[in-house]
PDB file of N, CA and C in Angstrom:
ATOM      1  N   UNK A   1       5.738  -7.344   0.223  1.00  0.00           N
ATOM      2  CA  UNK A   1       4.673  -6.550  -0.341  1.00  0.00           C
ATOM      3  C   UNK A   1       3.420  -6.671   0.525  1.00  0.00           C
ATOM      4  N   UNK A   2       3.190  -7.844   1.067  1.00  0.00           N
ATOM      5  CA  UNK A   2       2.011  -8.059   1.888  1.00  0.00           C
ATOM      6  C   UNK A   2       2.037  -7.189   3.145  1.00  0.00           C
ATOM      7  N   UNK A   3       3.192  -7.108   3.795  1.00  0.00           N
ATOM      8  CA  UNK A   3       3.295  -6.300   5.011  1.00  0.00           C
ATOM      9  C   UNK A   3       3.134  -4.813   4.692  1.00  0.00           C
ATOM     10  N   UNK A   4       3.677  -4.372   3.566  1.00  0.00           N
ATOM     11  CA  UNK A   4       3.514  -2.983   3.136  1.00  0.00           C
ATOM     12  C   UNK A   4       2.030  -2.664   2.972  1.00  0.00           C
ATOM     13  N   UNK A   5       1.314  -3.542   2.301  1.00  0.00           N
ATOM     14  CA  UNK A   5      -0.125  -3.340   2.085  1.00  0.00           C
ATOM     15  C   UNK A   5      -0.879  -3.298   3.412  1.00  0.00           C
ATOM     16  N   UNK A   6      -0.514  -4.178   4.347  1.00  0.00           N
ATOM     17  CA  UNK A   6      -1.186  -4.194   5.654  1.00  0.00           C
ATOM     18  C   UNK A   6      -0.969  -2.885   6.401  1.00  0.00           C
ATOM     19  N   UNK A   7       0.219  -2.328   6.289  1.00  0.00           N
ATOM     20  CA  UNK A   7       0.519  -1.063   6.965  1.00  0.00           C
ATOM     21  C   UNK A   7      -0.169   0.119   6.276  1.00  0.00           C
ATOM     22  N   UNK A   8      -0.321   0.040   4.965  1.00  0.00           N
ATOM     23  CA  UNK A   8      -0.944   1.138   4.215  1.00  0.00           C
ATOM     24  C   UNK A   8      -2.451   1.188   4.419  1.00  0.00           C
ATOM     25  N   UNK A   9      -3.086   0.029   4.475  1.00  0.00           N
ATOM     26  CA  UNK A   9      -4.545  -0.053   4.607  1.00  0.00           C
ATOM     27  C   UNK A   9      -4.915  -1.015   5.729  1.00  0.00           C
ATOM     28  N   UNK A  10      -4.670  -0.638   6.981  1.00  0.00           N
ATOM     29  CA  UNK A  10      -4.949  -1.558   8.090  1.00  0.00           C
ATOM     30  C   UNK A  10      -6.438  -1.883   8.269  1.00  0.00           C
ATOM     31  N   UNK A  11      -7.301  -1.010   7.796  1.00  0.00           N
ATOM     32  CA  UNK A  11      -8.741  -1.237   7.954  1.00  0.00           C
ATOM     33  C   UNK A  11      -9.324  -2.141   6.866  1.00  0.00           C
ATOM     34  N   UNK A  12      -8.543  -2.404   5.826  1.00  0.00           N
ATOM     35  CA  UNK A  12      -9.014  -3.209   4.699  1.00  0.00           C
ATOM     36  C   UNK A  12      -8.866  -4.698   5.020  1.00  0.00           C
ATOM     37  N   UNK A  13      -9.877  -5.497   4.662  1.00  0.00           N
ATOM     38  CA  UNK A  13      -9.827  -6.945   4.908  1.00  0.00           C
ATOM     39  C   UNK A  13      -8.840  -7.665   4.002  1.00  0.00           C
ATOM     40  N   UNK A  14      -8.570  -7.122   2.812  1.00  0.00           N
ATOM     41  CA  UNK A  14      -7.665  -7.746   1.850  1.00  0.00           C
ATOM     42  C   UNK A  14      -6.685  -6.715   1.282  1.00  0.00           C
ATOM     43  N   UNK A  15      -5.817  -6.164   2.122  1.00  0.00           N
ATOM     44  CA  UNK A  15      -4.923  -5.109   1.646  1.00  0.00           C
ATOM     45  C   UNK A  15      -3.941  -5.583   0.569  1.00  0.00           C
ATOM     46  N   UNK A  16      -3.533  -6.848   0.649  1.00  0.00           N
ATOM     47  CA  UNK A  16      -2.601  -7.379  -0.356  1.00  0.00           C
ATOM     48  C   UNK A  16      -3.250  -7.367  -1.743  1.00  0.00           C
ATOM     49  N   UNK A  17      -4.508  -7.746  -1.798  1.00  0.00           N
ATOM     50  CA  UNK A  17      -5.233  -7.768  -3.070  1.00  0.00           C
ATOM     51  C   UNK A  17      -5.459  -6.339  -3.568  1.00  0.00           C
ATOM     52  N   UNK A  18      -5.748  -5.429  -2.648  1.00  0.00           N
ATOM     53  CA  UNK A  18      -5.942  -4.027  -3.021  1.00  0.00           C
ATOM     54  C   UNK A  18      -4.678  -3.469  -3.675  1.00  0.00           C
ATOM     55  N   UNK A  19      -3.518  -3.733  -3.058  1.00  0.00           N
ATOM     56  CA  UNK A  19      -2.262  -3.250  -3.621  1.00  0.00           C
ATOM     57  C   UNK A  19      -1.981  -3.909  -4.968  1.00  0.00           C
ATOM     58  N   UNK A  20      -2.200  -5.203  -5.064  1.00  0.00           N
ATOM     59  CA  UNK A  20      -2.000  -5.920  -6.329  1.00  0.00           C
ATOM     60  C   UNK A  20      -2.871  -5.317  -7.430  1.00  0.00           C
ATOM     61  N   UNK A  21      -4.140  -5.081  -7.123  1.00  0.00           N
ATOM     62  CA  UNK A  21      -5.057  -4.512  -8.117  1.00  0.00           C
ATOM     63  C   UNK A  21      -4.608  -3.127  -8.562  1.00  0.00           C
ATOM     64  N   UNK A  22      -4.129  -2.316  -7.633  1.00  0.00           N
ATOM     65  CA  UNK A  22      -3.675  -0.969  -7.979  1.00  0.00           C
ATOM     66  C   UNK A  22      -2.405  -1.018  -8.829  1.00  0.00           C
ATOM     67  N   UNK A  23      -1.470  -1.882  -8.455  1.00  0.00           N
ATOM     68  CA  UNK A  23      -0.219  -1.981  -9.207  1.00  0.00           C
ATOM     69  C   UNK A  23      -0.449  -2.482 -10.630  1.00  0.00           C
ATOM     70  N   UNK A  24      -1.430  -3.355 -10.789  1.00  0.00           N
ATOM     71  CA  UNK A  24      -1.709  -3.942 -12.101  1.00  0.00           C
ATOM     72  C   UNK A  24      -2.885  -3.295 -12.818  1.00  0.00           C
ATOM     73  N   UNK A  25      -3.401  -2.204 -12.245  1.00  0.00           N
ATOM     74  CA  UNK A  25      -4.530  -1.452 -12.811  1.00  0.00           C
ATOM     75  C   UNK A  25      -5.684  -2.370 -13.225  1.00  0.00           C
ATOM     76  N   UNK A  26      -6.090  -3.176 -12.259  1.00  0.00           N
ATOM     77  CA  UNK A  26      -7.187  -4.120 -12.488  1.00  0.00           C
ATOM     78  C   UNK A  26      -8.530  -3.409 -12.393  1.00  0.00           C
ATOM     79  N   UNK A  27      -9.498  -3.918 -13.152  1.00  0.00           N
ATOM     80  CA  UNK A  27     -10.847  -3.385 -13.077  1.00  0.00           C
ATOM     81  C   UNK A  27     -11.505  -3.915 -11.809  1.00  0.00           C
ATOM     82  N   UNK A  28     -12.071  -3.004 -11.035  1.00  0.00           N
ATOM     83  CA  UNK A  28     -12.762  -3.377  -9.805  1.00  0.00           C
ATOM     84  C   UNK A  28     -13.929  -2.421  -9.611  1.00  0.00           C
ATOM     85  N   UNK A  29     -15.077  -2.973  -9.392  1.00  0.00           N
ATOM     86  CA  UNK A  29     -16.263  -2.135  -9.229  1.00  0.00           C
ATOM     87  C   UNK A  29     -16.582  -1.391 -10.509  1.00  0.00           C
ATOM     88  N   UNK A  30     -16.655  -0.070 -10.413  1.00  0.00           N
ATOM     89  CA  UNK A  30     -17.053   0.728 -11.571  1.00  0.00           C
ATOM     90  C   UNK A  30     -15.870   1.333 -12.318  1.00  0.00           C
ATOM     91  N   UNK A  31     -14.653   0.977 -11.946  1.00  0.00           N
ATOM     92  CA  UNK A  31     -13.512   1.580 -12.633  1.00  0.00           C
ATOM     93  C   UNK A  31     -12.237   0.770 -12.477  1.00  0.00           C
ATOM     94  N   UNK A  32     -11.157   1.359 -12.951  1.00  0.00           N
ATOM     95  CA  UNK A  32      -9.842   0.731 -12.885  1.00  0.00           C
ATOM     96  C   UNK A  32      -9.111   1.247 -11.656  1.00  0.00           C
ATOM     97  N   UNK A  33      -8.502   0.339 -10.911  1.00  0.00           N
ATOM     98  CA  UNK A  33      -7.727   0.699  -9.726  1.00  0.00           C
ATOM     99  C   UNK A  33      -6.388   1.270 -10.154  1.00  0.00           C
ATOM    100  N   UNK A  34      -5.999   2.382  -9.583  1.00  0.00           N
ATOM    101  CA  UNK A  34      -4.720   3.025  -9.910  1.00  0.00           C
ATOM    102  C   UNK A  34      -4.062   3.522  -8.634  1.00  0.00           C
ATOM    103  N   UNK A  35      -2.741   3.608  -8.675  1.00  0.00           N
ATOM    104  CA  UNK A  35      -1.979   4.189  -7.577  1.00  0.00           C
ATOM    105  C   UNK A  35      -2.221   5.700  -7.600  1.00  0.00           C
ATOM    106  N   UNK A  36      -2.576   6.273  -6.453  1.00  0.00           N
ATOM    107  CA  UNK A  36      -2.829   7.706  -6.352  1.00  0.00           C
ATOM    108  C   UNK A  36      -1.672   8.385  -5.617  1.00  0.00           C
ATOM    109  N   UNK A  37      -1.692   9.697  -5.606  1.00  0.00           N
ATOM    110  CA  UNK A  37      -0.677  10.456  -4.857  1.00  0.00           C
ATOM    111  C   UNK A  37      -0.764  10.119  -3.370  1.00  0.00           C
ATOM    112  N   UNK A  38      -1.974   9.942  -2.866  1.00  0.00           N
ATOM    113  CA  UNK A  38      -2.141   9.566  -1.457  1.00  0.00           C
ATOM    114  C   UNK A  38      -1.525   8.194  -1.173  1.00  0.00           C
ATOM    115  N   UNK A  39      -1.656   7.264  -2.128  1.00  0.00           N
ATOM    116  CA  UNK A  39      -1.048   5.942  -1.964  1.00  0.00           C
ATOM    117  C   UNK A  39       0.475   6.059  -1.895  1.00  0.00           C
ATOM    118  N   UNK A  40       1.040   6.902  -2.733  1.00  0.00           N
ATOM    119  CA  UNK A  40       2.491   7.099  -2.743  1.00  0.00           C
ATOM    120  C   UNK A  40       2.948   7.712  -1.428  1.00  0.00           C
ATOM    121  N   UNK A  41       2.217   8.704  -0.946  1.00  0.00           N
ATOM    122  CA  UNK A  41       2.558   9.326   0.338  1.00  0.00           C
ATOM    123  C   UNK A  41       2.491   8.311   1.467  1.00  0.00           C
ATOM    124  N   UNK A  42       1.474   7.484   1.463  1.00  0.00           N
ATOM    125  CA  UNK A  42       1.309   6.482   2.513  1.00  0.00           C
ATOM    126  C   UNK A  42       2.418   5.427   2.436  1.00  0.00           C
ATOM    127  N   UNK A  43       2.774   5.005   1.241  1.00  0.00           N
ATOM    128  CA  UNK A  43       3.866   4.035   1.082  1.00  0.00           C
ATOM    129  C   UNK A  43       5.177   4.630   1.584  1.00  0.00           C
ATOM    130  N   UNK A  44       5.436   5.887   1.274  1.00  0.00           N
ATOM    131  CA  UNK A  44       6.658   6.541   1.753  1.00  0.00           C
ATOM    132  C   UNK A  44       6.663   6.620   3.272  1.00  0.00           C
ATOM    133  N   UNK A  45       5.510   6.903   3.876  1.00  0.00           N
ATOM    134  CA  UNK A  45       5.419   6.972   5.327  1.00  0.00           C
ATOM    135  C   UNK A  45       5.771   5.622   5.949  1.00  0.00           C
ATOM    136  N   UNK A  46       5.194   4.556   5.397  1.00  0.00           N
ATOM    137  CA  UNK A  46       5.435   3.211   5.919  1.00  0.00           C
ATOM    138  C   UNK A  46       6.903   2.818   5.738  1.00  0.00           C
ATOM    139  N   UNK A  47       7.457   3.095   4.562  1.00  0.00           N
ATOM    140  CA  UNK A  47       8.845   2.725   4.297  1.00  0.00           C
ATOM    141  C   UNK A  47       9.823   3.551   5.123  1.00  0.00           C
ATOM    142  N   UNK A  48       9.527   4.823   5.344  1.00  0.00           N
ATOM    143  CA  UNK A  48      10.377   5.656   6.202  1.00  0.00           C
ATOM    144  C   UNK A  48      10.358   5.149   7.637  1.00  0.00           C
ATOM    145  N   UNK A  49       9.195   4.723   8.108  1.00  0.00           N
ATOM    146  CA  UNK A  49       9.100   4.149   9.453  1.00  0.00           C
ATOM    147  C   UNK A  49       9.954   2.886   9.544  1.00  0.00           C
ATOM    148  N   UNK A  50       9.895   2.052   8.523  1.00  0.00           N
ATOM    149  CA  UNK A  50      10.704   0.839   8.494  1.00  0.00           C
ATOM    150  C   UNK A  50      12.191   1.183   8.499  1.00  0.00           C
ATOM    151  N   UNK A  51      12.593   2.168   7.699  1.00  0.00           N
ATOM    152  CA  UNK A  51      13.992   2.591   7.650  1.00  0.00           C
ATOM    153  C   UNK A  51      14.450   3.097   9.017  1.00  0.00           C
ATOM    154  N   UNK A  52      13.611   3.865   9.692  1.00  0.00           N
ATOM    155  CA  UNK A  52      13.947   4.357  11.032  1.00  0.00           C
ATOM    156  C   UNK A  52      14.116   3.203  12.010  1.00  0.00           C
ATOM    157  N   UNK A  53      13.235   2.216  11.916  1.00  0.00           N
ATOM    158  CA  UNK A  53      13.327   1.042  12.796  1.00  0.00           C
ATOM    159  C   UNK A  53      14.627   0.274  12.538  1.00  0.00           C
ATOM    160  N   UNK A  54      15.022   0.163  11.289  1.00  0.00           N
ATOM    161  CA  UNK A  54      16.260  -0.539  10.934  1.00  0.00           C
ATOM    162  C   UNK A  54      17.471   0.226  11.472  1.00  0.00           C
ATOM    163  N   UNK A  55      17.443   1.534  11.365  1.00  0.00           N
ATOM    164  CA  UNK A  55      18.563   2.354  11.855  1.00  0.00           C
ATOM    165  C   UNK A  55      18.753   2.195  13.362  1.00  0.00           C
ATOM    166  N   UNK A  56      17.676   1.918  14.077  1.00  0.00           N
ATOM    167  CA  UNK A  56      17.741   1.751  15.530  1.00  0.00           C
ATOM    168  C   UNK A  56      18.417   0.458  15.936  1.00  0.00           C
ATOM    169  N   UNK A  57      18.512  -0.491  15.019  1.00  0.00           N
ATOM    170  CA  UNK A  57      19.126  -1.791  15.347  1.00  0.00           C
ATOM    171  C   UNK A  57      20.619  -1.686  15.529  1.00  0.00           C
TER     172      UNK A  57
END
């Protein structure tokens, strides 16, 4: 999960915590963190890249 978060948000200092907060809908700042459509698209992109890398082995 940590590597997925790092690939999804490379510019974030704590991507693992960001993903955890979104998955658990934690309150952060002025609202509740939630998984968005953009997050799903980004996760699919990262996982598809991983699948392609595995197929190359």
